Amino acid sequence: MRELRLVIFDCDGVLVDSEAISNGVLAEMLSAEGLPTTLAQARRDFQGLLLDEVAARVEAKLGRPLPAGWLEAYESRRAGSFRRELQPVAGAAATVRRVTAAGIVVCVASQGRLAKTQLTLGLTGLLDLFAPDALFSAESVARPKPFPDLFLHAARAMGYEPSACAVVEDSPSGVAGARAAGMRAIGYAADSDAQALRAAGAQTLGSLERLPALLAID
């Protein structure tokens, strides 16, 4: 690997502690639609998917279309829950600051929509740690994670070769995308399956505060 120049952070589950909130709202709304779903089941079946993919899988399970406006209602309820409950991942702000203090550029590449990333980073006080043009969404590429498109797009926009990039992810699909892009993959495993992250090709860590040392920039 070339000298590290860019660290690409996933957002949900890496910078903001949003996965339990998002999937809790999803589980409640699916259960109300006649598809009994627990938080654990929602995380297992839907975490890391685009919203359109979630809707398609739900409709396949239900055997019928979701009501008109259901996804918009979900996004609205989720945003309300974020405003009441969302917190940054422990050590996220300090870790990003330590990376940038070492002269390494940072950006965010999320499966979620750009507006959601801006909302969650803003609510948790992390938005100002990233340049306005350093936030990227899978909406902007042809194929989402686990394909490499999003990470390659982010690296190209930031002006770095893939070999000079490291990606911090909490999902096997994100790790697979980073590896396919030719980037170093770091698996944040505090709330994820460390074994699955390693199987996908990541080095794992249980605390974000260990990231600078792992990247040899401490």
C-alpha atoms as a PDB file:
ATOM      1  CA  MET A   1       0.000   0.000   0.000  1.00  0.00           C
ATOM      2  CA  ARG A   2       1.204   3.522  -0.801  1.00  0.00           C
ATOM      3  CA  GLU A   3       1.583   6.110   1.913  1.00  0.00           C
ATOM      4  CA  LEU A   4      -1.839   6.677   3.447  1.00  0.00           C
ATOM      5  CA  ARG A   5      -3.406   9.904   2.169  1.00  0.00           C
ATOM      6  CA  LEU A   6      -7.183   9.481   2.614  1.00  0.00           C
ATOM      7  CA  VAL A   7      -9.380   7.779   5.229  1.00  0.00           C
ATOM      8  CA  ILE A   8     -12.928   7.094   4.081  1.00  0.00           C
ATOM      9  CA  PHE A   9     -15.425   6.655   6.904  1.00  0.00           C
ATOM     10  CA  ASP A  10     -18.776   4.951   6.629  1.00  0.00           C
ATOM     11  CA  CYS A  11     -21.396   6.966   8.519  1.00  0.00           C
ATOM     12  CA  ASP A  12     -24.044   4.736  10.120  1.00  0.00           C
ATOM     13  CA  GLY A  13     -22.563   2.531  12.810  1.00  0.00           C
ATOM     14  CA  VAL A  14     -19.069   4.012  12.394  1.00  0.00           C
ATOM     15  CA  LEU A  15     -19.473   7.737  13.091  1.00  0.00           C
ATOM     16  CA  VAL A  16     -23.060   7.866  14.365  1.00  0.00           C
ATOM     17  CA  ASP A  17     -24.777   5.255  16.519  1.00  0.00           C
ATOM     18  CA  SER A  18     -27.812   5.040  14.263  1.00  0.00           C
ATOM     19  CA  GLU A  19     -28.301   1.390  13.336  1.00  0.00           C
ATOM     20  CA  ALA A  20     -30.375   0.374  16.355  1.00  0.00           C
ATOM     21  CA  ILE A  21     -32.557   3.466  15.945  1.00  0.00           C
ATOM     22  CA  SER A  22     -33.122   3.005  12.204  1.00  0.00           C
ATOM     23  CA  ASN A  23     -33.836  -0.684  12.479  1.00  0.00           C
ATOM     24  CA  GLY A  24     -35.993  -0.257  15.566  1.00  0.00           C
ATOM     25  CA  VAL A  25     -38.286   2.099  13.665  1.00  0.00           C
ATOM     26  CA  LEU A  26     -38.245  -0.293  10.717  1.00  0.00           C
ATOM     27  CA  ALA A  27     -39.150  -3.278  12.899  1.00  0.00           C
ATOM     28  CA  GLU A  28     -42.110  -1.396  14.413  1.00  0.00           C
ATOM     29  CA  MET A  29     -43.439  -0.298  11.036  1.00  0.00           C
ATOM     30  CA  LEU A  30     -43.030  -3.736   9.455  1.00  0.00           C
ATOM     31  CA  SER A  31     -44.833  -5.348  12.368  1.00  0.00           C
ATOM     32  CA  ALA A  32     -47.679  -2.854  11.910  1.00  0.00           C
ATOM     33  CA  GLU A  33     -47.864  -3.907   8.248  1.00  0.00           C
ATOM     34  CA  GLY A  34     -48.398  -7.536   9.242  1.00  0.00           C
ATOM     35  CA  LEU A  35     -44.790  -8.676   9.038  1.00  0.00           C
ATOM     36  CA  PRO A  36     -43.780  -9.300  12.683  1.00  0.00           C
ATOM     37  CA  THR A  37     -40.162  -8.198  12.967  1.00  0.00           C
ATOM     38  CA  THR A  38     -37.799  -7.774  15.904  1.00  0.00           C
ATOM     39  CA  LEU A  39     -34.894  -5.350  16.039  1.00  0.00           C
ATOM     40  CA  ALA A  40     -32.456  -8.233  15.628  1.00  0.00           C
ATOM     41  CA  GLN A  41     -34.347  -9.519  12.583  1.00  0.00           C
ATOM     42  CA  ALA A  42     -34.453  -6.064  11.000  1.00  0.00           C
ATOM     43  CA  ARG A  43     -30.711  -5.668  11.434  1.00  0.00           C
ATOM     44  CA  ARG A  44     -30.054  -9.133  10.056  1.00  0.00           C
ATOM     45  CA  ASP A  45     -32.287  -8.778   7.011  1.00  0.00           C
ATOM     46  CA  PHE A  46     -32.122  -5.099   6.057  1.00  0.00           C
ATOM     47  CA  GLN A  47     -29.126  -3.303   7.578  1.00  0.00           C
ATOM     48  CA  GLY A  48     -26.857  -1.797   4.952  1.00  0.00           C
ATOM     49  CA  LEU A  49     -29.412  -1.926   2.136  1.00  0.00           C
ATOM     50  CA  LEU A  50     -30.639   0.993   0.091  1.00  0.00           C
ATOM     51  CA  LEU A  51     -34.200   2.001   0.982  1.00  0.00           C
ATOM     52  CA  ASP A  52     -35.469   0.799  -2.394  1.00  0.00           C
ATOM     53  CA  GLU A  53     -33.877  -2.583  -1.692  1.00  0.00           C
ATOM     54  CA  VAL A  54     -35.523  -2.682   1.746  1.00  0.00           C
ATOM     55  CA  ALA A  55     -38.912  -1.975   0.186  1.00  0.00           C
ATOM     56  CA  ALA A  56     -38.429  -4.662  -2.471  1.00  0.00           C
ATOM     57  CA  ARG A  57     -37.497  -7.295   0.121  1.00  0.00           C
ATOM     58  CA  VAL A  58     -40.384  -6.327   2.384  1.00  0.00           C
ATOM     59  CA  GLU A  59     -42.876  -6.517  -0.461  1.00  0.00           C
ATOM     60  CA  ALA A  60     -41.532  -9.948  -1.413  1.00  0.00           C
ATOM     61  CA  LYS A  61     -42.047 -11.136   2.170  1.00  0.00           C
ATOM     62  CA  LEU A  62     -45.521  -9.600   2.397  1.00  0.00           C
ATOM     63  CA  GLY A  63     -46.583 -10.786  -1.026  1.00  0.00           C
ATOM     64  CA  ARG A  64     -48.065  -7.371  -1.782  1.00  0.00           C
ATOM     65  CA  PRO A  65     -46.959  -3.772  -2.355  1.00  0.00           C
ATOM     66  CA  LEU A  66     -46.385  -1.486   0.582  1.00  0.00           C
ATOM     67  CA  PRO A  67     -48.901   1.354   0.903  1.00  0.00           C
ATOM     68  CA  ALA A  68     -48.233   4.510  -1.075  1.00  0.00           C
ATOM     69  CA  GLY A  69     -45.934   6.819   0.864  1.00  0.00           C
ATOM     70  CA  TRP A  70     -44.697   4.103   3.226  1.00  0.00           C
ATOM     71  CA  LEU A  71     -40.998   4.773   2.633  1.00  0.00           C
ATOM     72  CA  GLU A  72     -41.490   8.499   3.104  1.00  0.00           C
ATOM     73  CA  ALA A  73     -43.344   7.828   6.368  1.00  0.00           C
ATOM     74  CA  TYR A  74     -40.472   5.607   7.502  1.00  0.00           C
ATOM     75  CA  GLU A  75     -37.891   8.284   6.731  1.00  0.00           C
ATOM     76  CA  SER A  76     -39.936  10.868   8.622  1.00  0.00           C
ATOM     77  CA  ARG A  77     -40.328   8.666  11.714  1.00  0.00           C
ATOM     78  CA  ARG A  78     -36.665   7.726  11.593  1.00  0.00           C
ATOM     79  CA  ALA A  79     -35.625  11.393  11.413  1.00  0.00           C
ATOM     80  CA  GLY A  80     -37.783  12.161  14.430  1.00  0.00           C
ATOM     81  CA  SER A  81     -36.160   9.347  16.366  1.00  0.00           C
ATOM     82  CA  PHE A  82     -32.721  10.580  15.327  1.00  0.00           C
ATOM     83  CA  ARG A  83     -33.512  14.043  16.671  1.00  0.00           C
ATOM     84  CA  ARG A  84     -34.543  12.590  20.020  1.00  0.00           C
ATOM     85  CA  GLU A  85     -32.010   9.799  20.466  1.00  0.00           C
ATOM     86  CA  LEU A  86     -29.030   9.892  18.118  1.00  0.00           C
ATOM     87  CA  GLN A  87     -25.528   9.997  19.583  1.00  0.00           C
ATOM     88  CA  PRO A  88     -22.065   9.916  17.986  1.00  0.00           C
ATOM     89  CA  VAL A  89     -20.131   6.677  18.189  1.00  0.00           C
ATOM     90  CA  ALA A  90     -17.800   6.833  21.184  1.00  0.00           C
ATOM     91  CA  GLY A  91     -14.499   8.426  20.223  1.00  0.00           C
ATOM     92  CA  ALA A  92     -15.625   9.411  16.711  1.00  0.00           C
ATOM     93  CA  ALA A  93     -14.857  13.126  16.919  1.00  0.00           C
ATOM     94  CA  ALA A  94     -11.499  12.663  18.637  1.00  0.00           C
ATOM     95  CA  THR A  95     -10.474   9.984  16.160  1.00  0.00           C
ATOM     96  CA  VAL A  96     -11.312  12.075  13.096  1.00  0.00           C
ATOM     97  CA  ARG A  97      -9.402  15.005  14.585  1.00  0.00           C
ATOM     98  CA  ARG A  98      -6.350  12.826  15.260  1.00  0.00           C
ATOM     99  CA  VAL A  99      -6.370  11.543  11.688  1.00  0.00           C
ATOM    100  CA  THR A 100      -6.595  15.029  10.205  1.00  0.00           C
ATOM    101  CA  ALA A 101      -3.966  16.356  12.630  1.00  0.00           C
ATOM    102  CA  ALA A 102      -1.576  13.816  11.097  1.00  0.00           C
ATOM    103  CA  GLY A 103      -2.080  15.480   7.711  1.00  0.00           C
ATOM    104  CA  ILE A 104      -4.418  12.805   6.329  1.00  0.00           C
ATOM    105  CA  VAL A 105      -7.583  13.841   4.510  1.00  0.00           C
ATOM    106  CA  VAL A 106     -10.956  12.427   5.608  1.00  0.00           C
ATOM    107  CA  CYS A 107     -14.295  11.934   3.915  1.00  0.00           C
ATOM    108  CA  VAL A 108     -17.554  10.023   4.405  1.00  0.00           C
ATOM    109  CA  ALA A 109     -19.005   7.444   1.998  1.00  0.00           C
ATOM    110  CA  SER A 110     -22.423   6.161   3.022  1.00  0.00           C
ATOM    111  CA  GLN A 111     -24.975   3.812   1.549  1.00  0.00           C
ATOM    112  CA  GLY A 112     -27.616   6.287   2.763  1.00  0.00           C
ATOM    113  CA  ARG A 113     -28.850   9.400   1.070  1.00  0.00           C
ATOM    114  CA  LEU A 114     -26.747  12.525   1.331  1.00  0.00           C
ATOM    115  CA  ALA A 115     -29.491  14.388   3.214  1.00  0.00           C
ATOM    116  CA  LYS A 116     -29.526  11.656   5.847  1.00  0.00           C
ATOM    117  CA  THR A 117     -25.744  11.798   6.285  1.00  0.00           C
ATOM    118  CA  GLN A 118     -25.885  15.576   6.660  1.00  0.00           C
ATOM    119  CA  LEU A 119     -28.707  15.255   9.208  1.00  0.00           C
ATOM    120  CA  THR A 120     -27.046  12.621  11.370  1.00  0.00           C
ATOM    121  CA  LEU A 121     -23.598  14.214  11.319  1.00  0.00           C
ATOM    122  CA  GLY A 122     -25.167  17.566  12.128  1.00  0.00           C
ATOM    123  CA  LEU A 123     -27.206  16.202  15.042  1.00  0.00           C
ATOM    124  CA  THR A 124     -24.110  14.603  16.559  1.00  0.00           C
ATOM    125  CA  GLY A 125     -21.767  17.560  16.135  1.00  0.00           C
ATOM    126  CA  LEU A 126     -19.580  15.807  13.580  1.00  0.00           C
ATOM    127  CA  LEU A 127     -20.540  17.620  10.381  1.00  0.00           C
ATOM    128  CA  ASP A 128     -17.944  20.382  10.738  1.00  0.00           C
ATOM    129  CA  LEU A 129     -15.154  17.785  10.842  1.00  0.00           C
ATOM    130  CA  PHE A 130     -15.656  17.116   7.120  1.00  0.00           C
ATOM    131  CA  ALA A 131     -15.433  19.486   4.182  1.00  0.00           C
ATOM    132  CA  PRO A 132     -18.802  20.157   2.499  1.00  0.00           C
ATOM    133  CA  ASP A 133     -17.599  18.387  -0.650  1.00  0.00           C
ATOM    134  CA  ALA A 134     -16.279  15.374   1.314  1.00  0.00           C
ATOM    135  CA  LEU A 135     -19.630  13.623   1.826  1.00  0.00           C
ATOM    136  CA  PHE A 136     -20.583  10.900  -0.666  1.00  0.00           C
ATOM    137  CA  SER A 137     -23.675   8.760  -1.121  1.00  0.00           C
ATOM    138  CA  ALA A 138     -24.417   5.568  -3.015  1.00  0.00           C
ATOM    139  CA  GLU A 139     -27.121   7.615  -4.747  1.00  0.00           C
ATOM    140  CA  SER A 140     -24.318   9.037  -6.897  1.00  0.00           C
ATOM    141  CA  VAL A 141     -23.045   5.749  -8.324  1.00  0.00           C
ATOM    142  CA  ALA A 142     -24.457   2.965 -10.454  1.00  0.00           C
ATOM    143  CA  ARG A 143     -23.941   0.203  -7.899  1.00  0.00           C
ATOM    144  CA  PRO A 144     -23.993   0.437  -4.088  1.00  0.00           C
ATOM    145  CA  LYS A 145     -21.876  -1.523  -1.615  1.00  0.00           C
ATOM    146  CA  PRO A 146     -20.686  -4.320  -1.817  1.00  0.00           C
ATOM    147  CA  PHE A 147     -19.552  -3.051  -5.219  1.00  0.00           C
ATOM    148  CA  PRO A 148     -16.509  -0.735  -5.191  1.00  0.00           C
ATOM    149  CA  ASP A 149     -18.192   2.106  -7.081  1.00  0.00           C
ATOM    150  CA  LEU A 150     -18.884   4.391  -4.113  1.00  0.00           C
ATOM    151  CA  PHE A 151     -15.365   4.156  -2.700  1.00  0.00           C
ATOM    152  CA  LEU A 152     -13.764   4.668  -6.106  1.00  0.00           C
ATOM    153  CA  HIS A 153     -16.012   7.680  -6.678  1.00  0.00           C
ATOM    154  CA  ALA A 154     -15.045   9.175  -3.308  1.00  0.00           C
ATOM    155  CA  ALA A 155     -11.325   8.629  -3.872  1.00  0.00           C
ATOM    156  CA  ARG A 156     -11.481  10.102  -7.372  1.00  0.00           C
ATOM    157  CA  ALA A 157     -13.415  13.156  -6.172  1.00  0.00           C
ATOM    158  CA  MET A 158     -10.942  13.711  -3.335  1.00  0.00           C
ATOM    159  CA  GLY A 159      -8.001  13.315  -5.719  1.00  0.00           C
ATOM    160  CA  TYR A 160      -6.329  10.125  -4.452  1.00  0.00           C
ATOM    161  CA  GLU A 161      -5.494   6.735  -5.875  1.00  0.00           C
ATOM    162  CA  PRO A 162      -7.255   3.755  -4.263  1.00  0.00           C
ATOM    163  CA  SER A 163      -3.945   2.370  -3.036  1.00  0.00           C
ATOM    164  CA  ALA A 164      -3.500   5.477  -0.863  1.00  0.00           C
ATOM    165  CA  CYS A 165      -6.879   5.043   0.842  1.00  0.00           C
ATOM    166  CA  ALA A 166      -8.173   3.229   3.917  1.00  0.00           C
ATOM    167  CA  VAL A 167     -11.864   2.596   4.587  1.00  0.00           C
ATOM    168  CA  VAL A 168     -13.504   2.246   8.006  1.00  0.00           C
ATOM    169  CA  GLU A 169     -16.642   0.111   7.798  1.00  0.00           C
ATOM    170  CA  ASP A 170     -18.923  -1.831  10.131  1.00  0.00           C
ATOM    171  CA  SER A 171     -20.528  -4.194   7.610  1.00  0.00           C
ATOM    172  CA  PRO A 172     -19.151  -7.093   5.570  1.00  0.00           C
ATOM    173  CA  SER A 173     -20.684  -5.587   2.423  1.00  0.00           C
ATOM    174  CA  GLY A 174     -18.824  -2.337   3.021  1.00  0.00           C
ATOM    175  CA  VAL A 175     -15.586  -4.202   3.673  1.00  0.00           C
ATOM    176  CA  ALA A 176     -16.096  -6.175   0.461  1.00  0.00           C
ATOM    177  CA  GLY A 177     -16.580  -2.927  -1.452  1.00  0.00           C
ATOM    178  CA  ALA A 178     -13.421  -1.440  -0.004  1.00  0.00           C
ATOM    179  CA  ARG A 179     -11.393  -4.518  -0.841  1.00  0.00           C
ATOM    180  CA  ALA A 180     -12.805  -4.629  -4.367  1.00  0.00           C
ATOM    181  CA  ALA A 181     -11.739  -1.004  -4.755  1.00  0.00           C
ATOM    182  CA  GLY A 182      -8.155  -1.908  -3.859  1.00  0.00           C
ATOM    183  CA  MET A 183      -8.256  -0.090  -0.532  1.00  0.00           C
ATOM    184  CA  ARG A 184      -7.235  -1.106   2.960  1.00  0.00           C
ATOM    185  CA  ALA A 185     -10.325  -2.166   4.923  1.00  0.00           C
ATOM    186  CA  ILE A 186     -10.717  -1.555   8.662  1.00  0.00           C
ATOM    187  CA  GLY A 187     -13.696  -3.238  10.324  1.00  0.00           C
ATOM    188  CA  TYR A 188     -15.212  -1.418  13.305  1.00  0.00           C
ATOM    189  CA  ALA A 189     -16.618  -4.288  15.322  1.00  0.00           C
ATOM    190  CA  ALA A 190     -17.958  -2.728  18.535  1.00  0.00           C
ATOM    191  CA  ASP A 191     -21.548  -3.442  17.425  1.00  0.00           C
ATOM    192  CA  SER A 192     -20.893  -5.790  14.521  1.00  0.00           C
ATOM    193  CA  ASP A 193     -19.761  -9.357  13.881  1.00  0.00           C
ATOM    194  CA  ALA A 194     -15.958  -9.194  14.046  1.00  0.00           C
ATOM    195  CA  GLN A 195     -15.574 -12.641  12.521  1.00  0.00           C
ATOM    196  CA  ALA A 196     -17.745 -11.687   9.539  1.00  0.00           C
ATOM    197  CA  LEU A 197     -15.752  -8.492   9.046  1.00  0.00           C
ATOM    198  CA  ARG A 198     -12.483 -10.416   9.096  1.00  0.00           C
ATOM    199  CA  ALA A 199     -13.890 -13.013   6.705  1.00  0.00           C
ATOM    200  CA  ALA A 200     -14.710 -10.182   4.292  1.00  0.00           C
ATOM    201  CA  GLY A 201     -11.099  -9.043   4.440  1.00  0.00           C
ATOM    202  CA  ALA A 202     -10.888  -6.407   7.178  1.00  0.00           C
ATOM    203  CA  GLN A 203      -8.535  -5.783  10.015  1.00  0.00           C
ATOM    204  CA  THR A 204     -10.825  -5.293  12.997  1.00  0.00           C
ATOM    205  CA  LEU A 205     -10.890  -3.019  15.997  1.00  0.00           C
ATOM    206  CA  GLY A 206     -13.356  -2.687  18.847  1.00  0.00           C
ATOM    207  CA  SER A 207     -12.803   1.007  19.548  1.00  0.00           C
ATOM    208  CA  LEU A 208     -12.442   3.879  17.119  1.00  0.00           C
ATOM    209  CA  GLU A 209      -9.813   5.335  19.387  1.00  0.00           C
ATOM    210  CA  ARG A 210      -7.491   2.522  18.256  1.00  0.00           C
ATOM    211  CA  LEU A 211      -7.713   3.584  14.622  1.00  0.00           C
ATOM    212  CA  PRO A 212      -4.740   6.003  14.540  1.00  0.00           C
ATOM    213  CA  ALA A 213      -2.433   3.374  16.024  1.00  0.00           C
ATOM    214  CA  LEU A 214      -3.740   0.717  13.618  1.00  0.00           C
ATOM    215  CA  LEU A 215      -3.018   3.049  10.718  1.00  0.00           C
ATOM    216  CA  ALA A 216       0.418   3.855  12.183  1.00  0.00           C
ATOM    217  CA  ILE A 217      -0.368   7.544  12.483  1.00  0.00           C
ATOM    218  CA  ASP A 218      -0.602   7.754  16.273  1.00  0.00           C
END
